[in-house]
Every structure is written in structure tokens, then in C-alpha cells.
PDB file of N, CA and C in Angstrom:
ATOM      1  N   MET A   1      16.995  -0.915  -4.094  1.00  0.00           N
ATOM      2  CA  MET A   1      15.639  -1.006  -4.603  1.00  0.00           C
ATOM      3  C   MET A   1      15.149  -2.447  -4.561  1.00  0.00           C
ATOM      4  N   ALA A   2      13.884  -2.596  -4.293  1.00  0.00           N
ATOM      5  CA  ALA A   2      13.269  -3.915  -4.221  1.00  0.00           C
ATOM      6  C   ALA A   2      12.905  -4.397  -5.622  1.00  0.00           C
ATOM      7  N   ASN A   3      12.689  -5.690  -5.738  1.00  0.00           N
ATOM      8  CA  ASN A   3      12.221  -6.268  -6.980  1.00  0.00           C
ATOM      9  C   ASN A   3      10.703  -6.338  -6.900  1.00  0.00           C
ATOM     10  N   ILE A   4      10.027  -5.269  -7.291  1.00  0.00           N
ATOM     11  CA  ILE A   4       8.574  -5.175  -7.197  1.00  0.00           C
ATOM     12  C   ILE A   4       7.957  -6.044  -8.294  1.00  0.00           C
ATOM     13  N   PRO A   5       7.012  -6.922  -7.942  1.00  0.00           N
ATOM     14  CA  PRO A   5       6.399  -7.781  -8.947  1.00  0.00           C
ATOM     15  C   PRO A   5       5.610  -6.968  -9.989  1.00  0.00           C
ATOM     16  N   THR A   6       5.594  -7.455 -11.220  1.00  0.00           N
ATOM     17  CA  THR A   6       4.812  -6.803 -12.270  1.00  0.00           C
ATOM     18  C   THR A   6       3.526  -7.555 -12.554  1.00  0.00           C
ATOM     19  N   GLU A   7       3.415  -8.780 -12.063  1.00  0.00           N
ATOM     20  CA  GLU A   7       2.181  -9.544 -12.219  1.00  0.00           C
ATOM     21  C   GLU A   7       2.132 -10.642 -11.171  1.00  0.00           C
ATOM     22  N   PHE A   8       0.903 -11.126 -10.932  1.00  0.00           N
ATOM     23  CA  PHE A   8       0.687 -12.262 -10.040  1.00  0.00           C
ATOM     24  C   PHE A   8      -0.114 -13.298 -10.818  1.00  0.00           C
ATOM     25  N   ARG A   9       0.333 -14.543 -10.784  1.00  0.00           N
ATOM     26  CA  ARG A   9      -0.339 -15.618 -11.518  1.00  0.00           C
ATOM     27  C   ARG A   9      -1.091 -16.516 -10.547  1.00  0.00           C
ATOM     28  N   ASN A  10      -2.130 -17.151 -11.078  1.00  0.00           N
ATOM     29  CA  ASN A  10      -2.911 -18.149 -10.332  1.00  0.00           C
ATOM     30  C   ASN A  10      -3.461 -17.582  -9.033  1.00  0.00           C
ATOM     31  N   VAL A  11      -4.125 -16.434  -9.127  1.00  0.00           N
ATOM     32  CA  VAL A  11      -4.748 -15.803  -7.972  1.00  0.00           C
ATOM     33  C   VAL A  11      -6.235 -15.617  -8.240  1.00  0.00           C
ATOM     34  N   THR A  12      -6.962 -15.349  -7.172  1.00  0.00           N
ATOM     35  CA  THR A  12      -8.354 -14.954  -7.289  1.00  0.00           C
ATOM     36  C   THR A  12      -8.420 -13.460  -7.029  1.00  0.00           C
ATOM     37  N   ALA A  13      -8.992 -12.721  -7.969  1.00  0.00           N
ATOM     38  CA  ALA A  13      -9.139 -11.271  -7.818  1.00  0.00           C
ATOM     39  C   ALA A  13     -10.579 -10.965  -7.410  1.00  0.00           C
ATOM     40  N   LEU A  14     -10.725 -10.217  -6.323  1.00  0.00           N
ATOM     41  CA  LEU A  14     -12.056  -9.816  -5.873  1.00  0.00           C
ATOM     42  C   LEU A  14     -12.474  -8.558  -6.635  1.00  0.00           C
ATOM     43  N   THR A  15     -13.654  -8.577  -7.192  1.00  0.00           N
ATOM     44  CA  THR A  15     -14.099  -7.456  -8.028  1.00  0.00           C
ATOM     45  C   THR A  15     -14.570  -6.259  -7.220  1.00  0.00           C
ATOM     46  N   LYS A  16     -15.022  -6.464  -6.014  1.00  0.00           N
ATOM     47  CA  LYS A  16     -15.486  -5.354  -5.173  1.00  0.00           C
ATOM     48  C   LYS A  16     -14.281  -4.571  -4.666  1.00  0.00           C
ATOM     49  N   ALA A  17     -14.244  -3.286  -4.980  1.00  0.00           N
ATOM     50  CA  ALA A  17     -13.120  -2.435  -4.577  1.00  0.00           C
ATOM     51  C   ALA A  17     -13.211  -2.058  -3.109  1.00  0.00           C
ATOM     52  N   ASN A  18     -12.043  -1.825  -2.519  1.00  0.00           N
ATOM     53  CA  ASN A  18     -11.935  -1.220  -1.190  1.00  0.00           C
ATOM     54  C   ASN A  18     -11.763   0.280  -1.459  1.00  0.00           C
ATOM     55  N   VAL A  19     -12.746   1.074  -1.074  1.00  0.00           N
ATOM     56  CA  VAL A  19     -12.735   2.503  -1.392  1.00  0.00           C
ATOM     57  C   VAL A  19     -12.635   3.296  -0.088  1.00  0.00           C
ATOM     58  N   TYR A  20     -11.634   4.177  -0.016  1.00  0.00           N
ATOM     59  CA  TYR A  20     -11.386   4.987   1.172  1.00  0.00           C
ATOM     60  C   TYR A  20     -11.323   6.462   0.787  1.00  0.00           C
ATOM     61  N   PHE A  21     -11.606   7.309   1.759  1.00  0.00           N
ATOM     62  CA  PHE A  21     -11.423   8.752   1.606  1.00  0.00           C
ATOM     63  C   PHE A  21     -12.105   9.281   0.337  1.00  0.00           C
ATOM     64  N   ASP A  22     -13.414   8.986   0.242  1.00  0.00           N
ATOM     65  CA  ASP A  22     -14.221   9.480  -0.885  1.00  0.00           C
ATOM     66  C   ASP A  22     -13.633   9.109  -2.239  1.00  0.00           C
ATOM     67  N   GLY A  23     -13.033   7.936  -2.344  1.00  0.00           N
ATOM     68  CA  GLY A  23     -12.514   7.441  -3.604  1.00  0.00           C
ATOM     69  C   GLY A  23     -11.113   7.899  -3.948  1.00  0.00           C
ATOM     70  N   ARG A  24     -10.458   8.570  -3.022  1.00  0.00           N
ATOM     71  CA  ARG A  24      -9.093   9.035  -3.309  1.00  0.00           C
ATOM     72  C   ARG A  24      -8.050   7.957  -3.051  1.00  0.00           C
ATOM     73  N   VAL A  25      -8.448   6.864  -2.410  1.00  0.00           N
ATOM     74  CA  VAL A  25      -7.616   5.669  -2.263  1.00  0.00           C
ATOM     75  C   VAL A  25      -8.517   4.480  -2.595  1.00  0.00           C
ATOM     76  N   VAL A  26      -8.093   3.687  -3.588  1.00  0.00           N
ATOM     77  CA  VAL A  26      -8.898   2.554  -4.044  1.00  0.00           C
ATOM     78  C   VAL A  26      -7.981   1.353  -4.236  1.00  0.00           C
ATOM     79  N   SER A  27      -8.415   0.190  -3.751  1.00  0.00           N
ATOM     80  CA  SER A  27      -7.624  -1.028  -3.953  1.00  0.00           C
ATOM     81  C   SER A  27      -8.538  -2.205  -4.232  1.00  0.00           C
ATOM     82  N   HIS A  28      -7.936  -3.260  -4.773  1.00  0.00           N
ATOM     83  CA  HIS A  28      -8.619  -4.535  -4.993  1.00  0.00           C
ATOM     84  C   HIS A  28      -7.789  -5.619  -4.321  1.00  0.00           C
ATOM     85  N   SER A  29      -8.477  -6.571  -3.724  1.00  0.00           N
ATOM     86  CA  SER A  29      -7.794  -7.684  -3.055  1.00  0.00           C
ATOM     87  C   SER A  29      -7.559  -8.824  -4.028  1.00  0.00           C
ATOM     88  N   ILE A  30      -6.397  -9.465  -3.864  1.00  0.00           N
ATOM     89  CA  ILE A  30      -6.123 -10.705  -4.575  1.00  0.00           C
ATOM     90  C   ILE A  30      -5.782 -11.765  -3.539  1.00  0.00           C
ATOM     91  N   LEU A  31      -6.290 -12.973  -3.780  1.00  0.00           N
ATOM     92  CA  LEU A  31      -6.124 -14.083  -2.854  1.00  0.00           C
ATOM     93  C   LEU A  31      -5.259 -15.150  -3.498  1.00  0.00           C
ATOM     94  N   PHE A  32      -4.328 -15.703  -2.729  1.00  0.00           N
ATOM     95  CA  PHE A  32      -3.408 -16.720  -3.204  1.00  0.00           C
ATOM     96  C   PHE A  32      -3.831 -18.096  -2.698  1.00  0.00           C
ATOM     97  N   ALA A  33      -3.402 -19.143  -3.381  1.00  0.00           N
ATOM     98  CA  ALA A  33      -3.765 -20.517  -3.022  1.00  0.00           C
ATOM     99  C   ALA A  33      -3.335 -20.878  -1.603  1.00  0.00           C
ATOM    100  N   ASP A  34      -2.251 -20.259  -1.116  1.00  0.00           N
ATOM    101  CA  ASP A  34      -1.774 -20.563   0.244  1.00  0.00           C
ATOM    102  C   ASP A  34      -2.549 -19.822   1.333  1.00  0.00           C
ATOM    103  N   GLY A  35      -3.578 -19.066   0.940  1.00  0.00           N
ATOM    104  CA  GLY A  35      -4.401 -18.342   1.911  1.00  0.00           C
ATOM    105  C   GLY A  35      -3.953 -16.915   2.165  1.00  0.00           C
ATOM    106  N   SER A  36      -2.814 -16.522   1.627  1.00  0.00           N
ATOM    107  CA  SER A  36      -2.356 -15.137   1.818  1.00  0.00           C
ATOM    108  C   SER A  36      -3.137 -14.193   0.911  1.00  0.00           C
ATOM    109  N   ARG A  37      -3.028 -12.900   1.225  1.00  0.00           N
ATOM    110  CA  ARG A  37      -3.790 -11.878   0.519  1.00  0.00           C
ATOM    111  C   ARG A  37      -2.915 -10.657   0.326  1.00  0.00           C
ATOM    112  N   LYS A  38      -3.126  -9.982  -0.786  1.00  0.00           N
ATOM    113  CA  LYS A  38      -2.484  -8.703  -1.071  1.00  0.00           C
ATOM    114  C   LYS A  38      -3.558  -7.765  -1.591  1.00  0.00           C
ATOM    115  N   THR A  39      -3.264  -6.486  -1.547  1.00  0.00           N
ATOM    116  CA  THR A  39      -4.128  -5.534  -2.233  1.00  0.00           C
ATOM    117  C   THR A  39      -3.286  -4.753  -3.231  1.00  0.00           C
ATOM    118  N   LEU A  40      -3.901  -4.429  -4.358  1.00  0.00           N
ATOM    119  CA  LEU A  40      -3.295  -3.616  -5.398  1.00  0.00           C
ATOM    120  C   LEU A  40      -4.089  -2.327  -5.447  1.00  0.00           C
ATOM    121  N   GLY A  41      -3.412  -1.183  -5.314  1.00  0.00           N
ATOM    122  CA  GLY A  41      -4.187   0.041  -5.190  1.00  0.00           C
ATOM    123  C   GLY A  41      -3.581   1.272  -5.797  1.00  0.00           C
ATOM    124  N   LEU A  42      -4.399   2.312  -5.784  1.00  0.00           N
ATOM    125  CA  LEU A  42      -4.060   3.646  -6.272  1.00  0.00           C
ATOM    126  C   LEU A  42      -4.326   4.656  -5.176  1.00  0.00           C
ATOM    127  N   ILE A  43      -3.410   5.611  -5.029  1.00  0.00           N
ATOM    128  CA  ILE A  43      -3.613   6.717  -4.093  1.00  0.00           C
ATOM    129  C   ILE A  43      -3.516   8.003  -4.903  1.00  0.00           C
ATOM    130  N   TYR A  44      -4.586   8.772  -4.883  1.00  0.00           N
ATOM    131  CA  TYR A  44      -4.623  10.056  -5.574  1.00  0.00           C
ATOM    132  C   TYR A  44      -4.051  11.132  -4.661  1.00  0.00           C
ATOM    133  N   PRO A  45      -3.760  12.316  -5.178  1.00  0.00           N
ATOM    134  CA  PRO A  45      -3.173  13.364  -4.341  1.00  0.00           C
ATOM    135  C   PRO A  45      -3.982  13.649  -3.076  1.00  0.00           C
ATOM    136  N   GLY A  46      -3.265  13.795  -1.979  1.00  0.00           N
ATOM    137  CA  GLY A  46      -3.868  14.079  -0.678  1.00  0.00           C
ATOM    138  C   GLY A  46      -3.026  13.473   0.423  1.00  0.00           C
ATOM    139  N   LYS A  47      -3.490  13.674   1.651  1.00  0.00           N
ATOM    140  CA  LYS A  47      -2.811  13.127   2.826  1.00  0.00           C
ATOM    141  C   LYS A  47      -3.809  12.276   3.586  1.00  0.00           C
ATOM    142  N   PHE A  48      -3.411  11.055   3.934  1.00  0.00           N
ATOM    143  CA  PHE A  48      -4.323  10.073   4.510  1.00  0.00           C
ATOM    144  C   PHE A  48      -3.643   9.336   5.658  1.00  0.00           C
ATOM    145  N   HIS A  49      -4.448   8.872   6.613  1.00  0.00           N
ATOM    146  CA  HIS A  49      -3.918   8.057   7.715  1.00  0.00           C
ATOM    147  C   HIS A  49      -4.570   6.685   7.661  1.00  0.00           C
ATOM    148  N   PHE A  50      -3.746   5.648   7.784  1.00  0.00           N
ATOM    149  CA  PHE A  50      -4.230   4.273   7.833  1.00  0.00           C
ATOM    150  C   PHE A  50      -3.756   3.611   9.105  1.00  0.00           C
ATOM    151  N   GLY A  51      -4.625   2.844   9.724  1.00  0.00           N
ATOM    152  CA  GLY A  51      -4.270   2.006  10.854  1.00  0.00           C
ATOM    153  C   GLY A  51      -4.043   0.589  10.362  1.00  0.00           C
ATOM    154  N   THR A  52      -3.249  -0.182  11.106  1.00  0.00           N
ATOM    155  CA  THR A  52      -2.970  -1.562  10.721  1.00  0.00           C
ATOM    156  C   THR A  52      -3.310  -2.507  11.870  1.00  0.00           C
ATOM    157  N   ASP A  53      -3.907  -3.628  11.523  1.00  0.00           N
ATOM    158  CA  ASP A  53      -4.065  -4.713  12.483  1.00  0.00           C
ATOM    159  C   ASP A  53      -2.864  -5.642  12.360  1.00  0.00           C
ATOM    160  N   LYS A  54      -2.584  -6.033  11.120  1.00  0.00           N
ATOM    161  CA  LYS A  54      -1.436  -6.896  10.826  1.00  0.00           C
ATOM    162  C   LYS A  54      -0.296  -6.042  10.297  1.00  0.00           C
ATOM    163  N   ALA A  55       0.904  -6.583  10.377  1.00  0.00           N
ATOM    164  CA  ALA A  55       2.058  -5.907   9.778  1.00  0.00           C
ATOM    165  C   ALA A  55       1.873  -5.886   8.262  1.00  0.00           C
ATOM    166  N   GLU A  56       2.351  -4.814   7.630  1.00  0.00           N
ATOM    167  CA  GLU A  56       2.182  -4.651   6.186  1.00  0.00           C
ATOM    168  C   GLU A  56       3.492  -4.245   5.530  1.00  0.00           C
ATOM    169  N   ARG A  57       3.610  -4.636   4.273  1.00  0.00           N
ATOM    170  CA  ARG A  57       4.717  -4.179   3.424  1.00  0.00           C
ATOM    171  C   ARG A  57       4.079  -3.470   2.236  1.00  0.00           C
ATOM    172  N   MET A  58       4.395  -2.208   2.082  1.00  0.00           N
ATOM    173  CA  MET A  58       3.847  -1.395   0.994  1.00  0.00           C
ATOM    174  C   MET A  58       4.927  -1.212  -0.060  1.00  0.00           C
ATOM    175  N   GLU A  59       4.723  -1.802  -1.236  1.00  0.00           N
ATOM    176  CA  GLU A  59       5.664  -1.703  -2.342  1.00  0.00           C
ATOM    177  C   GLU A  59       5.116  -0.692  -3.341  1.00  0.00           C
ATOM    178  N   ILE A  60       5.911   0.282  -3.705  1.00  0.00           N
ATOM    179  CA  ILE A  60       5.474   1.325  -4.614  1.00  0.00           C
ATOM    180  C   ILE A  60       5.769   0.866  -6.046  1.00  0.00           C
ATOM    181  N   VAL A  61       4.729   0.784  -6.846  1.00  0.00           N
ATOM    182  CA  VAL A  61       4.833   0.324  -8.226  1.00  0.00           C
ATOM    183  C   VAL A  61       5.099   1.501  -9.169  1.00  0.00           C
ATOM    184  N   ALA A  62       4.423   2.627  -8.928  1.00  0.00           N
ATOM    185  CA  ALA A  62       4.586   3.823  -9.763  1.00  0.00           C
ATOM    186  C   ALA A  62       4.226   5.047  -8.928  1.00  0.00           C
ATOM    187  N   GLY A  63       4.789   6.177  -9.293  1.00  0.00           N
ATOM    188  CA  GLY A  63       4.517   7.408  -8.560  1.00  0.00           C
ATOM    189  C   GLY A  63       5.435   7.553  -7.362  1.00  0.00           C
ATOM    190  N   GLN A  64       5.014   8.420  -6.443  1.00  0.00           N
ATOM    191  CA  GLN A  64       5.828   8.729  -5.267  1.00  0.00           C
ATOM    192  C   GLN A  64       4.922   9.107  -4.112  1.00  0.00           C
ATOM    193  N   CYS A  65       5.375   8.829  -2.895  1.00  0.00           N
ATOM    194  CA  CYS A  65       4.621   9.198  -1.699  1.00  0.00           C
ATOM    195  C   CYS A  65       5.585   9.522  -0.572  1.00  0.00           C
ATOM    196  N   THR A  66       5.081  10.264   0.400  1.00  0.00           N
ATOM    197  CA  THR A  66       5.828  10.565   1.615  1.00  0.00           C
ATOM    198  C   THR A  66       5.089   9.903   2.764  1.00  0.00           C
ATOM    199  N   VAL A  67       5.838   9.223   3.639  1.00  0.00           N
ATOM    200  CA  VAL A  67       5.243   8.404   4.689  1.00  0.00           C
ATOM    201  C   VAL A  67       5.835   8.764   6.035  1.00  0.00           C
ATOM    202  N   LYS A  68       4.957   8.795   7.042  1.00  0.00           N
ATOM    203  CA  LYS A  68       5.391   8.943   8.435  1.00  0.00           C
ATOM    204  C   LYS A  68       4.731   7.821   9.230  1.00  0.00           C
ATOM    205  N   LEU A  69       5.554   6.923   9.754  1.00  0.00           N
ATOM    206  CA  LEU A  69       5.038   5.836  10.586  1.00  0.00           C
ATOM    207  C   LEU A  69       4.633   6.369  11.945  1.00  0.00           C
ATOM    208  N   ASP A  70       3.555   5.845  12.497  1.00  0.00           N
ATOM    209  CA  ASP A  70       3.121   6.246  13.836  1.00  0.00           C
ATOM    210  C   ASP A  70       4.274   6.075  14.819  1.00  0.00           C
ATOM    211  N   GLY A  71       4.473   7.059  15.669  1.00  0.00           N
ATOM    212  CA  GLY A  71       5.501   6.995  16.691  1.00  0.00           C
ATOM    213  C   GLY A  71       6.889   7.367  16.221  1.00  0.00           C
ATOM    214  N   GLN A  72       7.049   7.657  14.946  1.00  0.00           N
ATOM    215  CA  GLN A  72       8.356   8.028  14.405  1.00  0.00           C
ATOM    216  C   GLN A  72       8.380   9.532  14.135  1.00  0.00           C
ATOM    217  N   PRO A  73       9.487  10.204  14.410  1.00  0.00           N
ATOM    218  CA  PRO A  73       9.533  11.653  14.253  1.00  0.00           C
ATOM    219  C   PRO A  73       9.727  12.133  12.812  1.00  0.00           C
ATOM    220  N   LYS A  74      10.277  11.291  11.947  1.00  0.00           N
ATOM    221  CA  LYS A  74      10.636  11.739  10.606  1.00  0.00           C
ATOM    222  C   LYS A  74       9.770  11.099   9.530  1.00  0.00           C
ATOM    223  N   THR A  75       9.712  11.795   8.387  1.00  0.00           N
ATOM    224  CA  THR A  75       9.047  11.248   7.211  1.00  0.00           C
ATOM    225  C   THR A  75      10.109  10.715   6.250  1.00  0.00           C
ATOM    226  N   ALA A  76       9.666   9.876   5.336  1.00  0.00           N
ATOM    227  CA  ALA A  76      10.542   9.353   4.288  1.00  0.00           C
ATOM    228  C   ALA A  76       9.747   9.334   2.989  1.00  0.00           C
ATOM    229  N   THR A  77      10.453   9.549   1.890  1.00  0.00           N
ATOM    230  CA  THR A  77       9.822   9.552   0.580  1.00  0.00           C
ATOM    231  C   THR A  77      10.173   8.259  -0.143  1.00  0.00           C
ATOM    232  N   TYR A  78       9.164   7.658  -0.778  1.00  0.00           N
ATOM    233  CA  TYR A  78       9.327   6.402  -1.502  1.00  0.00           C
ATOM    234  C   TYR A  78       8.833   6.582  -2.924  1.00  0.00           C
ATOM    235  N   ALA A  79       9.566   6.011  -3.865  1.00  0.00           N
ATOM    236  CA  ALA A  79       9.214   6.082  -5.281  1.00  0.00           C
ATOM    237  C   ALA A  79       9.143   4.663  -5.842  1.00  0.00           C
ATOM    238  N   ALA A  80       8.788   4.572  -7.119  1.00  0.00           N
ATOM    239  CA  ALA A  80       8.647   3.278  -7.776  1.00  0.00           C
ATOM    240  C   ALA A  80       9.876   2.411  -7.531  1.00  0.00           C
ATOM    241  N   GLY A  81       9.628   1.157  -7.145  1.00  0.00           N
ATOM    242  CA  GLY A  81      10.704   0.221  -6.879  1.00  0.00           C
ATOM    243  C   GLY A  81      11.138   0.174  -5.431  1.00  0.00           C
ATOM    244  N   GLN A  82      10.570   1.035  -4.590  1.00  0.00           N
ATOM    245  CA  GLN A  82      10.927   1.052  -3.168  1.00  0.00           C
ATOM    246  C   GLN A  82       9.751   0.550  -2.336  1.00  0.00           C
ATOM    247  N   PHE A  83      10.011   0.276  -1.060  1.00  0.00           N
ATOM    248  CA  PHE A  83       8.961  -0.208  -0.172  1.00  0.00           C
ATOM    249  C   PHE A  83       9.204   0.293   1.240  1.00  0.00           C
ATOM    250  N   PHE A  84       8.154   0.200   2.047  1.00  0.00           N
ATOM    251  CA  PHE A  84       8.279   0.436   3.486  1.00  0.00           C
ATOM    252  C   PHE A  84       7.406  -0.578   4.199  1.00  0.00           C
ATOM    253  N   GLU A  85       7.746  -0.829   5.475  1.00  0.00           N
ATOM    254  CA  GLU A  85       6.985  -1.774   6.278  1.00  0.00           C
ATOM    255  C   GLU A  85       6.385  -1.063   7.483  1.00  0.00           C
ATOM    256  N   VAL A  86       5.193  -1.526   7.845  1.00  0.00           N
ATOM    257  CA  VAL A  86       4.443  -0.938   8.956  1.00  0.00           C
ATOM    258  C   VAL A  86       4.192  -2.039   9.981  1.00  0.00           C
ATOM    259  N   PRO A  87       4.532  -1.802  11.248  1.00  0.00           N
ATOM    260  CA  PRO A  87       4.303  -2.825  12.273  1.00  0.00           C
ATOM    261  C   PRO A  87       2.810  -3.102  12.487  1.00  0.00           C
ATOM    262  N   ALA A  88       2.519  -4.264  13.027  1.00  0.00           N
ATOM    263  CA  ALA A  88       1.145  -4.617  13.393  1.00  0.00           C
ATOM    264  C   ALA A  88       0.629  -3.672  14.473  1.00  0.00           C
ATOM    265  N   ARG A  89      -0.671  -3.485  14.497  1.00  0.00           N
ATOM    266  CA  ARG A  89      -1.348  -2.638  15.494  1.00  0.00           C
ATOM    267  C   ARG A  89      -0.704  -1.258  15.568  1.00  0.00           C
ATOM    268  N   SER A  90      -0.495  -0.686  14.422  1.00  0.00           N
ATOM    269  CA  SER A  90       0.155   0.619  14.300  1.00  0.00           C
ATOM    270  C   SER A  90      -0.581   1.423  13.241  1.00  0.00           C
ATOM    271  N   GLY A  91       0.146   2.295  12.559  1.00  0.00           N
ATOM    272  CA  GLY A  91      -0.459   3.071  11.489  1.00  0.00           C
ATOM    273  C   GLY A  91       0.573   3.950  10.820  1.00  0.00           C
ATOM    274  N   PHE A  92       0.105   4.689   9.824  1.00  0.00           N
ATOM    275  CA  PHE A  92       0.999   5.580   9.098  1.00  0.00           C
ATOM    276  C   PHE A  92       0.210   6.661   8.379  1.00  0.00           C
ATOM    277  N   ASP A  93       0.866   7.801   8.212  1.00  0.00           N
ATOM    278  CA  ASP A  93       0.353   8.869   7.358  1.00  0.00           C
ATOM    279  C   ASP A  93       1.035   8.703   6.014  1.00  0.00           C
ATOM    280  N   ILE A  94       0.271   8.868   4.956  1.00  0.00           N
ATOM    281  CA  ILE A  94       0.840   8.797   3.609  1.00  0.00           C
ATOM    282  C   ILE A  94       0.324   9.981   2.817  1.00  0.00           C
ATOM    283  N   GLU A  95       1.236  10.642   2.099  1.00  0.00           N
ATOM    284  CA  GLU A  95       0.869  11.803   1.308  1.00  0.00           C
ATOM    285  C   GLU A  95       1.375  11.637  -0.116  1.00  0.00           C
ATOM    286  N   VAL A  96       0.483  11.916  -1.055  1.00  0.00           N
ATOM    287  CA  VAL A  96       0.835  11.953  -2.472  1.00  0.00           C
ATOM    288  C   VAL A  96       0.644  13.408  -2.895  1.00  0.00           C
ATOM    289  N   ALA A  97       1.737  14.041  -3.309  1.00  0.00           N
ATOM    290  CA  ALA A  97       1.693  15.464  -3.655  1.00  0.00           C
ATOM    291  C   ALA A  97       1.095  15.696  -5.035  1.00  0.00           C
ATOM    292  N   SER A  98       1.400  14.809  -5.983  1.00  0.00           N
ATOM    293  CA  SER A  98       0.856  14.970  -7.337  1.00  0.00           C
ATOM    294  C   SER A  98       0.877  13.632  -8.052  1.00  0.00           C
ATOM    295  N   GLY A  99       0.090  13.524  -9.090  1.00  0.00           N
ATOM    296  CA  GLY A  99       0.011  12.278  -9.840  1.00  0.00           C
ATOM    297  C   GLY A  99      -0.707  11.206  -9.048  1.00  0.00           C
ATOM    298  N   ILE A 100      -0.449   9.974  -9.399  1.00  0.00           N
ATOM    299  CA  ILE A 100      -1.063   8.818  -8.733  1.00  0.00           C
ATOM    300  C   ILE A 100       0.048   7.900  -8.249  1.00  0.00           C
ATOM    301  N   CYS A 101      -0.075   7.440  -7.028  1.00  0.00           N
ATOM    302  CA  CYS A 101       0.861   6.471  -6.467  1.00  0.00           C
ATOM    303  C   CYS A 101       0.187   5.099  -6.545  1.00  0.00           C
ATOM    304  N   GLU A 102       0.834   4.158  -7.231  1.00  0.00           N
ATOM    305  CA  GLU A 102       0.333   2.789  -7.341  1.00  0.00           C
ATOM    306  C   GLU A 102       1.129   1.909  -6.386  1.00  0.00           C
ATOM    307  N   TYR A 103       0.434   0.981  -5.725  1.00  0.00           N
ATOM    308  CA  TYR A 103       1.121   0.166  -4.725  1.00  0.00           C
ATOM    309  C   TYR A 103       0.599  -1.266  -4.680  1.00  0.00           C
ATOM    310  N   VAL A 104       1.423  -2.127  -4.086  1.00  0.00           N
ATOM    311  CA  VAL A 104       1.039  -3.487  -3.704  1.00  0.00           C
ATOM    312  C   VAL A 104       1.223  -3.552  -2.193  1.00  0.00           C
ATOM    313  N   CYS A 105       0.176  -3.923  -1.490  1.00  0.00           N
ATOM    314  CA  CYS A 105       0.252  -4.078  -0.040  1.00  0.00           C
ATOM    315  C   CYS A 105       0.197  -5.565   0.294  1.00  0.00           C
ATOM    316  N   SER A 106       1.242  -6.043   0.976  1.00  0.00           N
ATOM    317  CA  SER A 106       1.302  -7.431   1.435  1.00  0.00           C
ATOM    318  C   SER A 106       1.073  -7.449   2.934  1.00  0.00           C
ATOM    319  N   PHE A 107       0.252  -8.376   3.380  1.00  0.00           N
ATOM    320  CA  PHE A 107      -0.008  -8.516   4.799  1.00  0.00           C
ATOM    321  C   PHE A 107       0.938  -9.577   5.343  1.00  0.00           C
ATOM    322  N   LEU A 108       1.797  -9.155   6.263  1.00  0.00           N
ATOM    323  CA  LEU A 108       2.877 -10.007   6.750  1.00  0.00           C
ATOM    324  C   LEU A 108       2.412 -10.890   7.899  1.00  0.00           C
ATOM    325  N   PRO A 109       3.073 -12.043   8.072  1.00  0.00           N
ATOM    326  CA  PRO A 109       2.684 -12.948   9.171  1.00  0.00           C
ATOM    327  C   PRO A 109       3.026 -12.364  10.527  1.00  0.00           C
TER     328      PRO A 109
END
């Protein structure tokens, strides 16, 4: 299991939400002094596809989701304290069967 952060200090939080899929996926961006960015979000029950420009690391804070990376034949389930990475210029399907999945998305170099 990963050491998922419980807080971020000395950041700028953007108040405008990133809203996807009619509000079933919502996140807020936080900006760090070094120029990096993360999003903190919620995924409500449903199945969604996301494309990536940059590589991403999705850390699950609470809840559970099932993920299938583009080009991969199998799915994997992730719960609180776990993470998965998505290559740049790729994508993934993510499904939340019940409850709310909370996540931190880091954009990798």
C-alpha cells in the first residue's frame, strides 16, 4: 500500500471545479510553489473513460474503483491506500460500483 497524503500545505487551491459526466466526477486543482499541479476529486457511481495527455498517478483516498488501462486486457480493483499509473497520451476506464471514490491525481513529468 502507498502512503497516500492526508493534507497538502502551502498550496494554492483553485475554487472553480472541474466537472465531468454531468457532475458524477468532480475535482479541484491545487498548485504547488514548484509549478506542479494535482487534482483532488470525487467519483460517484458509474463507468467513465478519461484520456491523458501527461502521465498520471491516481491515488485512492477513500472508496473503491475498478480500472482498465487502454490497451490492457484486464481490469484491476483499487481501494483506499492504493494507486495506479496511466501512461501519457493514453487513457483508462474507471468504474465505481457504489459509494464515492475519493482520489488525488498527480501529473507526472
